[in-house]
Amino acid sequence: MPTLEEKHKFATRWCHWVNFPVLSAMIFSGILIYWAYDPYRIGFGSVTLFHFFPDWFYTQVGIHDSQSQLARGMALHFALAWLFALNGLAYFIYTVASGEWRELIPEPKSFREAALVALHDMGFKVALPPQGRYNAAQRISYSAIVLMGGMSLVTGLAIYKPAQLHWLTAAVGGYEWARFEHFWLTMGYVGFFVIHIGQVIRAGWANFRSMLTGYDLVERIDENQEVSSAE
């Protein structure tokens, strides 16, 4: 008989749903700032394969040739940064205090098992390793995103106050390196969003519902075995 079973704690869901729109808005406001001086590209020597970002991209997202865009982007970015930092700190403290970090931190076997999870998700006939609350790939990616959040705050402060926080700016390689690192961390978030949303769609409605309500329907077979309705 299907029964409701708690899958995600309220604190986890709260931090998740606050972080998603805040980080999305920070990425957009960051693009407004980057637009004023966009030097980064993918290429070699004088050959550019892709420039971040083409003019048509700025036009499509509504960024036009006006210095007010830069001022608006900076104001929004720095305001949201405080909410992003506080939300991230709250999640970190909760994870440590509740002991949930034990289910998130990758284990020595996680990197080998994550490769199997990735191959399975891509459609290869590979047996999944034993799955806990979070599989090996999730352990790695969720832990990485927490570290990336911390590095974004550090490099962001290094860019924002390079004179007052000169020691911090120097620690991350100087102003130019801090900006470079900050940019590629942002690209990492975009990549994570794309994969994460794709995995959510692939997992189905039951998985999404559990992240909203915190509960999942579980079909109990016997006292020692249970099967999630999401499977």
C-alpha atoms as a PDB file:
ATOM      1  CA  MET A   1       0.000   0.000   0.000  1.00  0.00           C
ATOM      2  CA  PRO A   2       1.449   3.403  -1.001  1.00  0.00           C
ATOM      3  CA  THR A   3       2.372   5.598   1.958  1.00  0.00           C
ATOM      4  CA  LEU A   4       3.817   9.095   2.241  1.00  0.00           C
ATOM      5  CA  GLU A   5       7.428   9.228   3.334  1.00  0.00           C
ATOM      6  CA  GLU A   6       9.560  12.304   3.915  1.00  0.00           C
ATOM      7  CA  LYS A   7      12.249  12.721   1.269  1.00  0.00           C
ATOM      8  CA  HIS A   8      13.479  16.330   1.566  1.00  0.00           C
ATOM      9  CA  LYS A   9      13.597  18.407   4.745  1.00  0.00           C
ATOM     10  CA  PHE A  10      11.973  21.848   4.790  1.00  0.00           C
ATOM     11  CA  ALA A  11      15.335  23.625   5.162  1.00  0.00           C
ATOM     12  CA  THR A  12      16.715  21.883   2.082  1.00  0.00           C
ATOM     13  CA  ARG A  13      13.653  22.771   0.006  1.00  0.00           C
ATOM     14  CA  TRP A  14      13.604  26.369   1.259  1.00  0.00           C
ATOM     15  CA  CYS A  15      17.245  26.999   0.385  1.00  0.00           C
ATOM     16  CA  HIS A  16      16.818  25.273  -2.982  1.00  0.00           C
ATOM     17  CA  TRP A  17      13.813  27.332  -4.062  1.00  0.00           C
ATOM     18  CA  VAL A  18      15.284  30.611  -2.808  1.00  0.00           C
ATOM     19  CA  ASN A  19      18.593  29.941  -4.527  1.00  0.00           C
ATOM     20  CA  PHE A  20      17.149  29.110  -7.943  1.00  0.00           C
ATOM     21  CA  PRO A  21      15.567  32.517  -8.768  1.00  0.00           C
ATOM     22  CA  VAL A  22      18.285  34.466  -6.915  1.00  0.00           C
ATOM     23  CA  LEU A  23      21.118  32.776  -8.813  1.00  0.00           C
ATOM     24  CA  SER A  24      19.224  33.112 -12.099  1.00  0.00           C
ATOM     25  CA  ALA A  25      18.805  36.859 -11.527  1.00  0.00           C
ATOM     26  CA  MET A  26      22.462  37.158 -10.514  1.00  0.00           C
ATOM     27  CA  ILE A  27      23.542  35.499 -13.758  1.00  0.00           C
ATOM     28  CA  PHE A  28      21.424  37.950 -15.751  1.00  0.00           C
ATOM     29  CA  SER A  29      22.693  40.982 -13.827  1.00  0.00           C
ATOM     30  CA  GLY A  30      26.227  39.628 -14.208  1.00  0.00           C
ATOM     31  CA  ILE A  31      25.731  39.607 -17.977  1.00  0.00           C
ATOM     32  CA  LEU A  32      24.710  43.290 -17.784  1.00  0.00           C
ATOM     33  CA  ILE A  33      28.046  43.998 -16.071  1.00  0.00           C
ATOM     34  CA  TYR A  34      30.065  41.778 -18.401  1.00  0.00           C
ATOM     35  CA  TRP A  35      28.465  43.432 -21.453  1.00  0.00           C
ATOM     36  CA  ALA A  36      30.419  46.643 -20.741  1.00  0.00           C
ATOM     37  CA  TYR A  37      33.708  44.765 -21.301  1.00  0.00           C
ATOM     38  CA  ASP A  38      33.450  41.238 -22.709  1.00  0.00           C
ATOM     39  CA  PRO A  39      36.947  39.936 -23.533  1.00  0.00           C
ATOM     40  CA  TYR A  40      36.507  36.194 -23.103  1.00  0.00           C
ATOM     41  CA  ARG A  41      36.444  33.733 -25.959  1.00  0.00           C
ATOM     42  CA  ILE A  42      37.114  30.142 -26.915  1.00  0.00           C
ATOM     43  CA  GLY A  43      39.879  29.772 -29.470  1.00  0.00           C
ATOM     44  CA  PHE A  44      43.612  29.563 -30.023  1.00  0.00           C
ATOM     45  CA  GLY A  45      46.045  32.263 -31.082  1.00  0.00           C
ATOM     46  CA  SER A  46      44.263  34.784 -33.255  1.00  0.00           C
ATOM     47  CA  VAL A  47      41.524  32.277 -34.158  1.00  0.00           C
ATOM     48  CA  THR A  48      38.253  32.728 -32.249  1.00  0.00           C
ATOM     49  CA  LEU A  49      35.807  29.828 -32.287  1.00  0.00           C
ATOM     50  CA  PHE A  50      33.244  31.491 -30.012  1.00  0.00           C
ATOM     51  CA  HIS A  51      33.104  34.898 -28.360  1.00  0.00           C
ATOM     52  CA  PHE A  52      31.217  35.414 -25.090  1.00  0.00           C
ATOM     53  CA  PHE A  53      28.830  36.824 -26.249  1.00  0.00           C
ATOM     54  CA  PRO A  54      27.809  37.724 -29.837  1.00  0.00           C
ATOM     55  CA  ASP A  55      25.913  40.978 -30.383  1.00  0.00           C
ATOM     56  CA  TRP A  56      22.720  39.090 -31.234  1.00  0.00           C
ATOM     57  CA  PHE A  57      22.769  37.492 -27.785  1.00  0.00           C
ATOM     58  CA  TYR A  58      22.743  40.876 -26.026  1.00  0.00           C
ATOM     59  CA  THR A  59      19.935  42.029 -28.300  1.00  0.00           C
ATOM     60  CA  GLN A  60      17.850  38.921 -27.587  1.00  0.00           C
ATOM     61  CA  VAL A  61      18.103  39.345 -23.805  1.00  0.00           C
ATOM     62  CA  GLY A  62      17.261  43.039 -24.029  1.00  0.00           C
ATOM     63  CA  ILE A  63      20.691  44.578 -23.409  1.00  0.00           C
ATOM     64  CA  HIS A  64      21.113  47.685 -25.538  1.00  0.00           C
ATOM     65  CA  ASP A  65      23.863  50.236 -25.945  1.00  0.00           C
ATOM     66  CA  SER A  66      23.309  52.309 -22.812  1.00  0.00           C
ATOM     67  CA  GLN A  67      25.518  52.892 -19.794  1.00  0.00           C
ATOM     68  CA  SER A  68      22.414  52.654 -17.595  1.00  0.00           C
ATOM     69  CA  GLN A  69      22.522  48.892 -18.232  1.00  0.00           C
ATOM     70  CA  LEU A  70      25.880  48.668 -16.466  1.00  0.00           C
ATOM     71  CA  ALA A  71      24.691  50.709 -13.477  1.00  0.00           C
ATOM     72  CA  ARG A  72      21.485  48.677 -13.246  1.00  0.00           C
ATOM     73  CA  GLY A  73      23.409  45.420 -13.461  1.00  0.00           C
ATOM     74  CA  MET A  74      25.868  46.400 -10.735  1.00  0.00           C
ATOM     75  CA  ALA A  75      23.131  47.570  -8.352  1.00  0.00           C
ATOM     76  CA  LEU A  76      21.060  44.416  -8.843  1.00  0.00           C
ATOM     77  CA  HIS A  77      24.066  42.079  -8.718  1.00  0.00           C
ATOM     78  CA  PHE A  78      25.447  43.430  -5.458  1.00  0.00           C
ATOM     79  CA  ALA A  79      22.009  43.540  -3.800  1.00  0.00           C
ATOM     80  CA  LEU A  80      21.295  39.919  -4.714  1.00  0.00           C
ATOM     81  CA  ALA A  81      24.789  38.831  -3.694  1.00  0.00           C
ATOM     82  CA  TRP A  82      23.928  39.398  -0.027  1.00  0.00           C
ATOM     83  CA  LEU A  83      20.804  37.233  -0.286  1.00  0.00           C
ATOM     84  CA  PHE A  84      22.783  34.574  -2.172  1.00  0.00           C
ATOM     85  CA  ALA A  85      25.479  34.619   0.534  1.00  0.00           C
ATOM     86  CA  LEU A  86      23.024  34.456   3.447  1.00  0.00           C
ATOM     87  CA  ASN A  87      21.009  31.671   1.844  1.00  0.00           C
ATOM     88  CA  GLY A  88      24.172  29.708   1.092  1.00  0.00           C
ATOM     89  CA  LEU A  89      25.482  30.191   4.620  1.00  0.00           C
ATOM     90  CA  ALA A  90      22.148  29.045   6.087  1.00  0.00           C
ATOM     91  CA  TYR A  91      22.227  25.906   3.932  1.00  0.00           C
ATOM     92  CA  PHE A  92      25.833  25.157   4.881  1.00  0.00           C
ATOM     93  CA  ILE A  93      25.124  25.555   8.620  1.00  0.00           C
ATOM     94  CA  TYR A  94      21.984  23.411   8.379  1.00  0.00           C
ATOM     95  CA  THR A  95      23.767  20.664   6.435  1.00  0.00           C
ATOM     96  CA  VAL A  96      26.595  20.496   8.970  1.00  0.00           C
ATOM     97  CA  ALA A  97      24.371  20.786  12.065  1.00  0.00           C
ATOM     98  CA  SER A  98      21.827  18.205  10.867  1.00  0.00           C
ATOM     99  CA  GLY A  99      24.444  15.706   9.748  1.00  0.00           C
ATOM    100  CA  GLU A 100      23.070  15.650   6.197  1.00  0.00           C
ATOM    101  CA  TRP A 101      26.565  16.416   4.910  1.00  0.00           C
ATOM    102  CA  ARG A 102      27.280  12.693   5.322  1.00  0.00           C
ATOM    103  CA  GLU A 103      24.832  11.959   2.492  1.00  0.00           C
ATOM    104  CA  LEU A 104      26.258  14.710   0.264  1.00  0.00           C
ATOM    105  CA  ILE A 105      30.033  14.464   0.546  1.00  0.00           C
ATOM    106  CA  PRO A 106      31.514  12.221  -2.182  1.00  0.00           C
ATOM    107  CA  GLU A 107      33.064   8.950  -1.069  1.00  0.00           C
ATOM    108  CA  PRO A 108      36.235   7.407  -2.561  1.00  0.00           C
ATOM    109  CA  LYS A 109      34.059   5.166  -4.735  1.00  0.00           C
ATOM    110  CA  SER A 110      31.802   8.040  -5.850  1.00  0.00           C
ATOM    111  CA  PHE A 111      33.956   9.103  -8.810  1.00  0.00           C
ATOM    112  CA  ARG A 112      33.991   5.589 -10.305  1.00  0.00           C
ATOM    113  CA  GLU A 113      30.264   5.132  -9.662  1.00  0.00           C
ATOM    114  CA  ALA A 114      29.458   8.579 -11.088  1.00  0.00           C
ATOM    115  CA  ALA A 115      30.871   7.456 -14.443  1.00  0.00           C
ATOM    116  CA  LEU A 116      28.503   4.460 -14.380  1.00  0.00           C
ATOM    117  CA  VAL A 117      25.557   6.712 -13.510  1.00  0.00           C
ATOM    118  CA  ALA A 118      26.435   9.054 -16.401  1.00  0.00           C
ATOM    119  CA  LEU A 119      26.702   6.170 -18.888  1.00  0.00           C
ATOM    120  CA  HIS A 120      23.378   4.747 -17.679  1.00  0.00           C
ATOM    121  CA  ASP A 121      21.654   8.130 -18.008  1.00  0.00           C
ATOM    122  CA  MET A 122      23.013   8.509 -21.560  1.00  0.00           C
ATOM    123  CA  GLY A 123      21.278   5.271 -22.532  1.00  0.00           C
ATOM    124  CA  PHE A 124      24.104   2.767 -22.356  1.00  0.00           C
ATOM    125  CA  LYS A 125      23.300  -0.671 -20.953  1.00  0.00           C
ATOM    126  CA  VAL A 126      25.240  -0.196 -17.745  1.00  0.00           C
ATOM    127  CA  ALA A 127      23.977  -1.447 -14.402  1.00  0.00           C
ATOM    128  CA  LEU A 128      23.432   1.300 -11.857  1.00  0.00           C
ATOM    129  CA  PRO A 129      25.495   1.026  -8.660  1.00  0.00           C
ATOM    130  CA  PRO A 130      23.525   0.913  -5.362  1.00  0.00           C
ATOM    131  CA  GLN A 131      21.553   4.149  -5.004  1.00  0.00           C
ATOM    132  CA  GLY A 132      21.182   5.978  -1.697  1.00  0.00           C
ATOM    133  CA  ARG A 133      19.341   9.217  -1.075  1.00  0.00           C
ATOM    134  CA  TYR A 134      21.773  10.834  -3.520  1.00  0.00           C
ATOM    135  CA  ASN A 135      23.621   8.852  -6.147  1.00  0.00           C
ATOM    136  CA  ALA A 136      27.353   9.252  -6.765  1.00  0.00           C
ATOM    137  CA  ALA A 137      26.930  11.830  -9.544  1.00  0.00           C
ATOM    138  CA  GLN A 138      24.604  13.911  -7.366  1.00  0.00           C
ATOM    139  CA  ARG A 139      27.027  13.777  -4.431  1.00  0.00           C
ATOM    140  CA  ILE A 140      29.793  15.171  -6.614  1.00  0.00           C
ATOM    141  CA  SER A 141      27.722  17.811  -8.399  1.00  0.00           C
ATOM    142  CA  TYR A 142      25.870  19.046  -5.286  1.00  0.00           C
ATOM    143  CA  SER A 143      29.092  19.284  -3.284  1.00  0.00           C
ATOM    144  CA  ALA A 144      30.789  21.045  -6.182  1.00  0.00           C
ATOM    145  CA  ILE A 145      27.993  23.613  -6.462  1.00  0.00           C
ATOM    146  CA  VAL A 146      28.427  24.531  -2.773  1.00  0.00           C
ATOM    147  CA  LEU A 147      32.177  25.033  -3.287  1.00  0.00           C
ATOM    148  CA  MET A 148      31.476  27.058  -6.435  1.00  0.00           C
ATOM    149  CA  GLY A 149      29.121  29.299  -4.475  1.00  0.00           C
ATOM    150  CA  GLY A 150      31.859  30.011  -1.960  1.00  0.00           C
ATOM    151  CA  MET A 151      34.381  30.733  -4.708  1.00  0.00           C
ATOM    152  CA  SER A 152      31.913  33.046  -6.471  1.00  0.00           C
ATOM    153  CA  LEU A 153      31.591  35.114  -3.292  1.00  0.00           C
ATOM    154  CA  VAL A 154      35.358  35.239  -2.816  1.00  0.00           C
ATOM    155  CA  THR A 155      36.127  36.223  -6.417  1.00  0.00           C
ATOM    156  CA  GLY A 156      33.160  38.616  -6.473  1.00  0.00           C
ATOM    157  CA  LEU A 157      34.479  40.475  -3.423  1.00  0.00           C
ATOM    158  CA  ALA A 158      37.941  40.519  -4.991  1.00  0.00           C
ATOM    159  CA  ILE A 159      36.491  42.242  -8.069  1.00  0.00           C
ATOM    160  CA  TYR A 160      34.189  44.553  -6.105  1.00  0.00           C
ATOM    161  CA  LYS A 161      36.813  45.875  -3.654  1.00  0.00           C
ATOM    162  CA  PRO A 162      40.242  45.172  -5.189  1.00  0.00           C
ATOM    163  CA  ALA A 163      41.895  48.021  -3.277  1.00  0.00           C
ATOM    164  CA  GLN A 164      40.271  47.563   0.132  1.00  0.00           C
ATOM    165  CA  LEU A 165      40.546  43.765  -0.099  1.00  0.00           C
ATOM    166  CA  HIS A 166      43.875  43.705  -1.916  1.00  0.00           C
ATOM    167  CA  TRP A 167      45.020  40.695   0.094  1.00  0.00           C
ATOM    168  CA  LEU A 168      41.976  38.716  -1.084  1.00  0.00           C
ATOM    169  CA  THR A 169      42.434  39.846  -4.687  1.00  0.00           C
ATOM    170  CA  ALA A 170      46.081  38.789  -4.531  1.00  0.00           C
ATOM    171  CA  ALA A 171      45.104  35.409  -3.041  1.00  0.00           C
ATOM    172  CA  VAL A 172      42.982  34.545  -6.096  1.00  0.00           C
ATOM    173  CA  GLY A 173      45.652  35.652  -8.552  1.00  0.00           C
ATOM    174  CA  GLY A 174      44.967  39.373  -8.982  1.00  0.00           C
ATOM    175  CA  TYR A 175      42.067  41.368 -10.408  1.00  0.00           C
ATOM    176  CA  GLU A 176      42.183  39.940 -13.948  1.00  0.00           C
ATOM    177  CA  TRP A 177      42.341  36.359 -12.686  1.00  0.00           C
ATOM    178  CA  ALA A 178      39.532  37.009 -10.192  1.00  0.00           C
ATOM    179  CA  ARG A 179      37.309  38.272 -13.011  1.00  0.00           C
ATOM    180  CA  PHE A 180      38.268  35.303 -15.209  1.00  0.00           C
ATOM    181  CA  GLU A 181      37.508  32.820 -12.402  1.00  0.00           C
ATOM    182  CA  HIS A 182      34.229  34.585 -11.575  1.00  0.00           C
ATOM    183  CA  PHE A 183      33.130  34.382 -15.207  1.00  0.00           C
ATOM    184  CA  TRP A 184      33.856  30.667 -15.598  1.00  0.00           C
ATOM    185  CA  LEU A 185      32.162  29.853 -12.316  1.00  0.00           C
ATOM    186  CA  THR A 186      29.075  31.520 -13.790  1.00  0.00           C
ATOM    187  CA  MET A 187      29.369  29.386 -16.926  1.00  0.00           C
ATOM    188  CA  GLY A 188      29.571  26.395 -14.590  1.00  0.00           C
ATOM    189  CA  TYR A 189      26.237  27.377 -13.016  1.00  0.00           C
ATOM    190  CA  VAL A 190      24.654  27.625 -16.454  1.00  0.00           C
ATOM    191  CA  GLY A 191      25.920  24.146 -17.334  1.00  0.00           C
ATOM    192  CA  PHE A 192      24.662  22.801 -14.016  1.00  0.00           C
ATOM    193  CA  PHE A 193      21.216  24.351 -14.594  1.00  0.00           C
ATOM    194  CA  VAL A 194      20.901  22.734 -18.025  1.00  0.00           C
ATOM    195  CA  ILE A 195      21.895  19.267 -16.773  1.00  0.00           C
ATOM    196  CA  HIS A 196      19.909  19.563 -13.543  1.00  0.00           C
ATOM    197  CA  ILE A 197      16.686  20.627 -15.260  1.00  0.00           C
ATOM    198  CA  GLY A 198      17.154  17.875 -17.848  1.00  0.00           C
ATOM    199  CA  GLN A 199      17.557  15.304 -15.075  1.00  0.00           C
ATOM    200  CA  VAL A 200      14.473  16.620 -13.266  1.00  0.00           C
ATOM    201  CA  ILE A 201      12.402  16.226 -16.447  1.00  0.00           C
ATOM    202  CA  ARG A 202      13.842  12.763 -16.977  1.00  0.00           C
ATOM    203  CA  ALA A 203      13.050  11.701 -13.391  1.00  0.00           C
ATOM    204  CA  GLY A 204       9.398  12.668 -13.789  1.00  0.00           C
ATOM    205  CA  TRP A 205       6.664  14.432 -11.840  1.00  0.00           C
ATOM    206  CA  ALA A 206       6.965  12.376  -8.643  1.00  0.00           C
ATOM    207  CA  ASN A 207      10.558  13.509  -8.133  1.00  0.00           C
ATOM    208  CA  PHE A 208       9.659  17.166  -8.755  1.00  0.00           C
ATOM    209  CA  ARG A 209       6.648  16.922  -6.443  1.00  0.00           C
ATOM    210  CA  SER A 210       8.824  15.613  -3.619  1.00  0.00           C
ATOM    211  CA  MET A 211      11.048  18.693  -3.923  1.00  0.00           C
ATOM    212  CA  LEU A 212       7.949  20.881  -3.578  1.00  0.00           C
ATOM    213  CA  THR A 213       6.147  19.052  -0.785  1.00  0.00           C
ATOM    214  CA  GLY A 214       9.035  17.181   0.832  1.00  0.00           C
ATOM    215  CA  TYR A 215       7.244  13.825   0.567  1.00  0.00           C
ATOM    216  CA  ASP A 216       7.220  10.906  -1.816  1.00  0.00           C
ATOM    217  CA  LEU A 217       4.774   8.025  -2.254  1.00  0.00           C
ATOM    218  CA  VAL A 218       6.442   4.758  -1.312  1.00  0.00           C
ATOM    219  CA  GLU A 219       5.068   1.310  -2.100  1.00  0.00           C
ATOM    220  CA  ARG A 220       5.847  -0.984   0.811  1.00  0.00           C
ATOM    221  CA  ILE A 221       6.472  -4.572  -0.255  1.00  0.00           C
ATOM    222  CA  ASP A 222       7.524  -6.053   3.053  1.00  0.00           C
ATOM    223  CA  GLU A 223       9.196  -4.999   6.279  1.00  0.00           C
ATOM    224  CA  ASN A 224      12.666  -4.971   4.767  1.00  0.00           C
ATOM    225  CA  GLN A 225      12.050  -3.642   1.270  1.00  0.00           C
ATOM    226  CA  GLU A 226      10.288  -0.661  -0.231  1.00  0.00           C
ATOM    227  CA  VAL A 227      10.058   0.721  -3.746  1.00  0.00           C
ATOM    228  CA  SER A 228       9.582   4.412  -4.553  1.00  0.00           C
ATOM    229  CA  SER A 229       6.654   5.211  -6.765  1.00  0.00           C
ATOM    230  CA  ALA A 230       8.987   7.486  -8.698  1.00  0.00           C
ATOM    231  CA  GLU A 231      11.000   4.539 -10.016  1.00  0.00           C
END
